[in-house]
């Protein structure tokens, strides 16, 4: 997992996506800016992740073989 916390408007997203595309590996990019400001819930994260996974052919093929997912969190 990669997390970048520089100031805004420095090209972090472009840098990360360029690197990932040049590696020619499958990846999932979750843009947490899509979540409501100040609200981070497991549900909102899963919704964004689900949307991203549904757009990727390789991910849909991979997910077809998953029978069960368990999520454990440090917070309640």
PDB file of N, CA and C in Angstrom:
ATOM      1  N   UNK A   1       0.839  -1.160   0.000  1.00  0.00           N
ATOM      2  CA  UNK A   1       0.000   0.000   0.000  1.00  0.00           C
ATOM      3  C   UNK A   1       0.891   1.232   0.000  1.00  0.00           C
ATOM      4  N   UNK A   2       0.489   2.218  -0.790  1.00  0.00           N
ATOM      5  CA  UNK A   2       1.222   3.479  -0.869  1.00  0.00           C
ATOM      6  C   UNK A   2       0.311   4.581  -0.358  1.00  0.00           C
ATOM      7  N   UNK A   3       0.841   5.413   0.505  1.00  0.00           N
ATOM      8  CA  UNK A   3       0.105   6.557   1.006  1.00  0.00           C
ATOM      9  C   UNK A   3       1.000   7.777   0.883  1.00  0.00           C
ATOM     10  N   UNK A   4       0.461   8.838   0.287  1.00  0.00           N
ATOM     11  CA  UNK A   4       1.237  10.051   0.082  1.00  0.00           C
ATOM     12  C   UNK A   4       0.521  11.201   0.769  1.00  0.00           C
ATOM     13  N   UNK A   5       1.246  11.960   1.587  1.00  0.00           N
ATOM     14  CA  UNK A   5       0.597  12.993   2.388  1.00  0.00           C
ATOM     15  C   UNK A   5       1.182  14.387   2.177  1.00  0.00           C
ATOM     16  N   UNK A   6       1.727  14.668   1.008  1.00  0.00           N
ATOM     17  CA  UNK A   6       2.267  16.010   0.721  1.00  0.00           C
ATOM     18  C   UNK A   6       1.135  17.031   0.646  1.00  0.00           C
ATOM     19  N   UNK A   7       1.525  18.278   0.516  1.00  0.00           N
ATOM     20  CA  UNK A   7       0.557  19.355   0.349  1.00  0.00           C
ATOM     21  C   UNK A   7      -0.239  19.162  -0.929  1.00  0.00           C
ATOM     22  N   UNK A   8      -1.358  19.863  -1.021  1.00  0.00           N
ATOM     23  CA  UNK A   8      -2.220  19.778  -2.196  1.00  0.00           C
ATOM     24  C   UNK A   8      -1.552  20.394  -3.421  1.00  0.00           C
ATOM     25  N   UNK A   9      -1.966  19.879  -4.597  1.00  0.00           N
ATOM     26  CA  UNK A   9      -1.588  20.443  -5.907  1.00  0.00           C
ATOM     27  C   UNK A   9      -0.104  20.278  -6.235  1.00  0.00           C
ATOM     28  N   UNK A  10       0.549  19.237  -5.744  1.00  0.00           N
ATOM     29  CA  UNK A  10       1.951  18.977  -6.061  1.00  0.00           C
ATOM     30  C   UNK A  10       2.125  17.843  -7.057  1.00  0.00           C
ATOM     31  N   UNK A  11       1.026  17.279  -7.575  1.00  0.00           N
ATOM     32  CA  UNK A  11       1.106  16.239  -8.585  1.00  0.00           C
ATOM     33  C   UNK A  11       1.284  14.835  -8.033  1.00  0.00           C
ATOM     34  N   UNK A  12       0.871  14.620  -6.795  1.00  0.00           N
ATOM     35  CA  UNK A  12       1.045  13.303  -6.163  1.00  0.00           C
ATOM     36  C   UNK A  12       0.281  12.218  -6.907  1.00  0.00           C
ATOM     37  N   UNK A  13      -0.970  12.490  -7.239  1.00  0.00           N
ATOM     38  CA  UNK A  13      -1.792  11.498  -7.929  1.00  0.00           C
ATOM     39  C   UNK A  13      -1.215  11.189  -9.301  1.00  0.00           C
ATOM     40  N   UNK A  14      -0.830  12.204 -10.030  1.00  0.00           N
ATOM     41  CA  UNK A  14      -0.241  11.991 -11.364  1.00  0.00           C
ATOM     42  C   UNK A  14       1.038  11.176 -11.276  1.00  0.00           C
ATOM     43  N   UNK A  15       1.873  11.491 -10.309  1.00  0.00           N
ATOM     44  CA  UNK A  15       3.117  10.756 -10.119  1.00  0.00           C
ATOM     45  C   UNK A  15       2.839   9.287  -9.819  1.00  0.00           C
ATOM     46  N   UNK A  16       1.916   9.038  -8.913  1.00  0.00           N
ATOM     47  CA  UNK A  16       1.605   7.670  -8.521  1.00  0.00           C
ATOM     48  C   UNK A  16       1.004   6.882  -9.685  1.00  0.00           C
ATOM     49  N   UNK A  17       0.052   7.469 -10.400  1.00  0.00           N
ATOM     50  CA  UNK A  17      -0.581   6.770 -11.515  1.00  0.00           C
ATOM     51  C   UNK A  17       0.393   6.542 -12.663  1.00  0.00           C
ATOM     52  N   UNK A  18       1.271   7.494 -12.925  1.00  0.00           N
ATOM     53  CA  UNK A  18       2.288   7.305 -13.964  1.00  0.00           C
ATOM     54  C   UNK A  18       3.195   6.139 -13.606  1.00  0.00           C
ATOM     55  N   UNK A  19       3.645   6.086 -12.370  1.00  0.00           N
ATOM     56  CA  UNK A  19       4.497   4.987 -11.917  1.00  0.00           C
ATOM     57  C   UNK A  19       3.783   3.646 -12.083  1.00  0.00           C
ATOM     58  N   UNK A  20       2.550   3.576 -11.612  1.00  0.00           N
ATOM     59  CA  UNK A  20       1.805   2.319 -11.678  1.00  0.00           C
ATOM     60  C   UNK A  20       1.557   1.886 -13.122  1.00  0.00           C
ATOM     61  N   UNK A  21       1.227   2.823 -13.993  1.00  0.00           N
ATOM     62  CA  UNK A  21       0.996   2.489 -15.398  1.00  0.00           C
ATOM     63  C   UNK A  21       2.276   2.030 -16.083  1.00  0.00           C
ATOM     64  N   UNK A  22       3.398   2.639 -15.766  1.00  0.00           N
ATOM     65  CA  UNK A  22       4.670   2.254 -16.374  1.00  0.00           C
ATOM     66  C   UNK A  22       5.123   0.876 -15.911  1.00  0.00           C
ATOM     67  N   UNK A  23       4.735   0.460 -14.700  1.00  0.00           N
ATOM     68  CA  UNK A  23       5.076  -0.867 -14.205  1.00  0.00           C
ATOM     69  C   UNK A  23       4.292  -1.956 -14.935  1.00  0.00           C
ATOM     70  N   UNK A  24       3.212  -1.567 -15.595  1.00  0.00           N
ATOM     71  CA  UNK A  24       2.350  -2.502 -16.333  1.00  0.00           C
ATOM     72  C   UNK A  24       1.867  -3.663 -15.459  1.00  0.00           C
ATOM     73  N   UNK A  25       1.570  -3.357 -14.234  1.00  0.00           N
ATOM     74  CA  UNK A  25       1.021  -4.333 -13.293  1.00  0.00           C
ATOM     75  C   UNK A  25      -0.436  -3.963 -13.020  1.00  0.00           C
ATOM     76  N   UNK A  26      -1.204  -4.937 -12.626  1.00  0.00           N
ATOM     77  CA  UNK A  26      -2.573  -4.650 -12.208  1.00  0.00           C
ATOM     78  C   UNK A  26      -2.541  -3.932 -10.864  1.00  0.00           C
ATOM     79  N   UNK A  27      -3.367  -2.925 -10.724  1.00  0.00           N
ATOM     80  CA  UNK A  27      -3.445  -2.189  -9.463  1.00  0.00           C
ATOM     81  C   UNK A  27      -4.848  -1.658  -9.271  1.00  0.00           C
ATOM     82  N   UNK A  28      -5.149  -1.333  -8.050  1.00  0.00           N
ATOM     83  CA  UNK A  28      -6.424  -0.706  -7.708  1.00  0.00           C
ATOM     84  C   UNK A  28      -6.084   0.625  -7.060  1.00  0.00           C
ATOM     85  N   UNK A  29      -6.580   1.698  -7.636  1.00  0.00           N
ATOM     86  CA  UNK A  29      -6.349   3.033  -7.101  1.00  0.00           C
ATOM     87  C   UNK A  29      -7.628   3.502  -6.433  1.00  0.00           C
ATOM     88  N   UNK A  30      -7.587   3.696  -5.146  1.00  0.00           N
ATOM     89  CA  UNK A  30      -8.754   4.144  -4.393  1.00  0.00           C
ATOM     90  C   UNK A  30      -8.539   5.614  -4.039  1.00  0.00           C
ATOM     91  N   UNK A  31      -9.344   6.465  -4.628  1.00  0.00           N
ATOM     92  CA  UNK A  31      -9.240   7.901  -4.385  1.00  0.00           C
ATOM     93  C   UNK A  31     -10.145   8.271  -3.220  1.00  0.00           C
ATOM     94  N   UNK A  32      -9.554   8.413  -2.062  1.00  0.00           N
ATOM     95  CA  UNK A  32     -10.339   8.686  -0.844  1.00  0.00           C
ATOM     96  C   UNK A  32     -10.895  10.102  -0.820  1.00  0.00           C
ATOM     97  N   UNK A  33     -10.523  10.917  -1.781  1.00  0.00           N
ATOM     98  CA  UNK A  33     -11.128  12.251  -1.867  1.00  0.00           C
ATOM     99  C   UNK A  33     -12.611  12.139  -2.210  1.00  0.00           C
ATOM    100  N   UNK A  34     -13.031  10.969  -2.725  1.00  0.00           N
ATOM    101  CA  UNK A  34     -14.429  10.769  -3.089  1.00  0.00           C
ATOM    102  C   UNK A  34     -15.321  10.574  -1.860  1.00  0.00           C
ATOM    103  N   UNK A  35     -14.707  10.310  -0.716  1.00  0.00           N
ATOM    104  CA  UNK A  35     -15.495  10.149   0.509  1.00  0.00           C
ATOM    105  C   UNK A  35     -15.890  11.516   1.033  1.00  0.00           C
ATOM    106  N   UNK A  36     -16.990  11.551   1.772  1.00  0.00           N
ATOM    107  CA  UNK A  36     -17.435  12.820   2.332  1.00  0.00           C
ATOM    108  C   UNK A  36     -16.369  13.379   3.250  1.00  0.00           C
ATOM    109  N   UNK A  37     -16.180  14.676   3.168  1.00  0.00           N
ATOM    110  CA  UNK A  37     -15.154  15.334   3.973  1.00  0.00           C
ATOM    111  C   UNK A  37     -15.399  15.106   5.465  1.00  0.00           C
ATOM    112  N   UNK A  38     -14.368  14.618   6.140  1.00  0.00           N
ATOM    113  CA  UNK A  38     -14.447  14.414   7.578  1.00  0.00           C
ATOM    114  C   UNK A  38     -15.168  13.144   7.997  1.00  0.00           C
ATOM    115  N   UNK A  39     -15.655  12.374   7.023  1.00  0.00           N
ATOM    116  CA  UNK A  39     -16.393  11.152   7.342  1.00  0.00           C
ATOM    117  C   UNK A  39     -15.669   9.971   6.719  1.00  0.00           C
ATOM    118  N   UNK A  40     -15.052   9.160   7.556  1.00  0.00           N
ATOM    119  CA  UNK A  40     -14.385   7.961   7.067  1.00  0.00           C
ATOM    120  C   UNK A  40     -15.019   6.770   7.749  1.00  0.00           C
ATOM    121  N   UNK A  41     -15.784   6.036   6.968  1.00  0.00           N
ATOM    122  CA  UNK A  41     -16.397   4.827   7.503  1.00  0.00           C
ATOM    123  C   UNK A  41     -15.970   3.653   6.643  1.00  0.00           C
ATOM    124  N   UNK A  42     -16.023   2.483   7.217  1.00  0.00           N
ATOM    125  CA  UNK A  42     -15.700   1.284   6.461  1.00  0.00           C
ATOM    126  C   UNK A  42     -16.654   1.143   5.285  1.00  0.00           C
ATOM    127  N   UNK A  43     -17.910   1.475   5.497  1.00  0.00           N
ATOM    128  CA  UNK A  43     -18.907   1.385   4.425  1.00  0.00           C
ATOM    129  C   UNK A  43     -18.548   2.296   3.254  1.00  0.00           C
ATOM    130  N   UNK A  44     -18.167   3.539   3.527  1.00  0.00           N
ATOM    131  CA  UNK A  44     -17.839   4.467   2.441  1.00  0.00           C
ATOM    132  C   UNK A  44     -16.592   4.011   1.690  1.00  0.00           C
ATOM    133  N   UNK A  45     -15.615   3.466   2.412  1.00  0.00           N
ATOM    134  CA  UNK A  45     -14.409   2.958   1.769  1.00  0.00           C
ATOM    135  C   UNK A  45     -14.734   1.766   0.877  1.00  0.00           C
ATOM    136  N   UNK A  46     -15.552   0.843   1.383  1.00  0.00           N
ATOM    137  CA  UNK A  46     -15.920  -0.339   0.604  1.00  0.00           C
ATOM    138  C   UNK A  46     -16.708   0.056  -0.643  1.00  0.00           C
ATOM    139  N   UNK A  47     -17.566   1.055  -0.535  1.00  0.00           N
ATOM    140  CA  UNK A  47     -18.327   1.516  -1.705  1.00  0.00           C
ATOM    141  C   UNK A  47     -17.400   2.038  -2.797  1.00  0.00           C
ATOM    142  N   UNK A  48     -16.391   2.808  -2.420  1.00  0.00           N
ATOM    143  CA  UNK A  48     -15.434   3.325  -3.400  1.00  0.00           C
ATOM    144  C   UNK A  48     -14.608   2.189  -3.982  1.00  0.00           C
ATOM    145  N   UNK A  49     -14.168   1.279  -3.129  1.00  0.00           N
ATOM    146  CA  UNK A  49     -13.394   0.126  -3.591  1.00  0.00           C
ATOM    147  C   UNK A  49     -14.223  -0.735  -4.541  1.00  0.00           C
ATOM    148  N   UNK A  50     -15.471  -0.968  -4.205  1.00  0.00           N
ATOM    149  CA  UNK A  50     -16.365  -1.766  -5.038  1.00  0.00           C
ATOM    150  C   UNK A  50     -16.553  -1.129  -6.414  1.00  0.00           C
ATOM    151  N   UNK A  51     -16.724   0.183  -6.440  1.00  0.00           N
ATOM    152  CA  UNK A  51     -16.888   0.894  -7.707  1.00  0.00           C
ATOM    153  C   UNK A  51     -15.643   0.757  -8.583  1.00  0.00           C
ATOM    154  N   UNK A  52     -14.472   0.912  -7.968  1.00  0.00           N
ATOM    155  CA  UNK A  52     -13.221   0.793  -8.717  1.00  0.00           C
ATOM    156  C   UNK A  52     -13.029  -0.634  -9.234  1.00  0.00           C
ATOM    157  N   UNK A  53     -13.290  -1.615  -8.403  1.00  0.00           N
ATOM    158  CA  UNK A  53     -13.135  -3.015  -8.816  1.00  0.00           C
ATOM    159  C   UNK A  53     -14.075  -3.380  -9.954  1.00  0.00           C
ATOM    160  N   UNK A  54     -15.259  -2.816  -9.955  1.00  0.00           N
ATOM    161  CA  UNK A  54     -16.238  -3.147 -11.000  1.00  0.00           C
ATOM    162  C   UNK A  54     -15.824  -2.607 -12.370  1.00  0.00           C
ATOM    163  N   UNK A  55     -14.931  -1.633 -12.411  1.00  0.00           N
ATOM    164  CA  UNK A  55     -14.479  -1.063 -13.684  1.00  0.00           C
ATOM    165  C   UNK A  55     -13.300  -1.814 -14.294  1.00  0.00           C
ATOM    166  N   UNK A  56     -12.700  -2.717 -13.530  1.00  0.00           N
ATOM    167  CA  UNK A  56     -11.493  -3.405 -13.988  1.00  0.00           C
ATOM    168  C   UNK A  56     -11.806  -4.850 -14.370  1.00  0.00           C
ATOM    169  N   UNK A  57     -11.615  -5.189 -15.657  1.00  0.00           N
ATOM    170  CA  UNK A  57     -11.919  -6.547 -16.120  1.00  0.00           C
ATOM    171  C   UNK A  57     -11.178  -7.603 -15.315  1.00  0.00           C
ATOM    172  N   UNK A  58      -9.877  -7.407 -15.088  1.00  0.00           N
ATOM    173  CA  UNK A  58      -9.089  -8.419 -14.374  1.00  0.00           C
ATOM    174  C   UNK A  58      -9.586  -8.595 -12.938  1.00  0.00           C
ATOM    175  N   UNK A  59     -10.066  -7.509 -12.336  1.00  0.00           N
ATOM    176  CA  UNK A  59     -10.550  -7.595 -10.957  1.00  0.00           C
ATOM    177  C   UNK A  59     -11.878  -8.344 -10.905  1.00  0.00           C
ATOM    178  N   UNK A  60     -12.760  -8.082 -11.875  1.00  0.00           N
ATOM    179  CA  UNK A  60     -14.034  -8.808 -11.914  1.00  0.00           C
ATOM    180  C   UNK A  60     -13.788 -10.299 -12.057  1.00  0.00           C
ATOM    181  N   UNK A  61     -12.857 -10.682 -12.922  1.00  0.00           N
ATOM    182  CA  UNK A  61     -12.524 -12.100 -13.098  1.00  0.00           C
ATOM    183  C   UNK A  61     -11.975 -12.699 -11.810  1.00  0.00           C
ATOM    184  N   UNK A  62     -11.137 -11.963 -11.120  1.00  0.00           N
ATOM    185  CA  UNK A  62     -10.554 -12.427  -9.870  1.00  0.00           C
ATOM    186  C   UNK A  62     -11.624 -12.601  -8.787  1.00  0.00           C
ATOM    187  N   UNK A  63     -12.527 -11.630  -8.710  1.00  0.00           N
ATOM    188  CA  UNK A  63     -13.549 -11.647  -7.670  1.00  0.00           C
ATOM    189  C   UNK A  63     -14.573 -12.759  -7.847  1.00  0.00           C
ATOM    190  N   UNK A  64     -14.735 -13.254  -9.061  1.00  0.00           N
ATOM    191  CA  UNK A  64     -15.685 -14.336  -9.305  1.00  0.00           C
ATOM    192  C   UNK A  64     -15.319 -15.582  -8.510  1.00  0.00           C
ATOM    193  N   UNK A  65     -14.051 -15.750  -8.177  1.00  0.00           N
ATOM    194  CA  UNK A  65     -13.585 -16.940  -7.470  1.00  0.00           C
ATOM    195  C   UNK A  65     -13.594 -16.792  -5.952  1.00  0.00           C
ATOM    196  N   UNK A  66     -13.936 -15.616  -5.448  1.00  0.00           N
ATOM    197  CA  UNK A  66     -13.947 -15.379  -4.003  1.00  0.00           C
ATOM    198  C   UNK A  66     -15.311 -15.782  -3.449  1.00  0.00           C
ATOM    199  N   UNK A  67     -15.290 -16.621  -2.441  1.00  0.00           N
ATOM    200  CA  UNK A  67     -16.536 -17.093  -1.843  1.00  0.00           C
ATOM    201  C   UNK A  67     -16.921 -16.320  -0.588  1.00  0.00           C
ATOM    202  N   UNK A  68     -15.929 -15.842   0.151  1.00  0.00           N
ATOM    203  CA  UNK A  68     -16.228 -15.170   1.411  1.00  0.00           C
ATOM    204  C   UNK A  68     -15.153 -14.127   1.715  1.00  0.00           C
ATOM    205  N   UNK A  69     -15.581 -13.021   2.288  1.00  0.00           N
ATOM    206  CA  UNK A  69     -14.657 -11.970   2.720  1.00  0.00           C
ATOM    207  C   UNK A  69     -14.995 -11.618   4.161  1.00  0.00           C
ATOM    208  N   UNK A  70     -13.985 -11.588   4.995  1.00  0.00           N
ATOM    209  CA  UNK A  70     -14.171 -11.172   6.386  1.00  0.00           C
ATOM    210  C   UNK A  70     -13.359  -9.913   6.614  1.00  0.00           C
ATOM    211  N   UNK A  71     -13.968  -8.959   7.271  1.00  0.00           N
ATOM    212  CA  UNK A  71     -13.291  -7.692   7.539  1.00  0.00           C
ATOM    213  C   UNK A  71     -13.146  -7.545   9.043  1.00  0.00           C
ATOM    214  N   UNK A  72     -11.932  -7.289   9.474  1.00  0.00           N
ATOM    215  CA  UNK A  72     -11.653  -7.066  10.890  1.00  0.00           C
ATOM    216  C   UNK A  72     -11.074  -5.678  11.014  1.00  0.00           C
ATOM    217  N   UNK A  73     -11.568  -4.904  11.954  1.00  0.00           N
ATOM    218  CA  UNK A  73     -11.090  -3.537  12.101  1.00  0.00           C
ATOM    219  C   UNK A  73     -10.537  -3.330  13.516  1.00  0.00           C
ATOM    220  N   UNK A  74      -9.730  -2.300  13.637  1.00  0.00           N
ATOM    221  CA  UNK A  74      -9.182  -1.934  14.939  1.00  0.00           C
ATOM    222  C   UNK A  74     -10.137  -1.018  15.699  1.00  0.00           C
ATOM    223  N   UNK A  75     -11.087  -0.455  15.020  1.00  0.00           N
ATOM    224  CA  UNK A  75     -12.014   0.450  15.644  1.00  0.00           C
ATOM    225  C   UNK A  75     -13.423  -0.144  15.566  1.00  0.00           C
ATOM    226  N   UNK A  76     -14.316   0.380  16.365  1.00  0.00           N
ATOM    227  CA  UNK A  76     -15.692  -0.149  16.351  1.00  0.00           C
ATOM    228  C   UNK A  76     -16.670   0.871  15.822  1.00  0.00           C
TER     229      UNK A  76
END
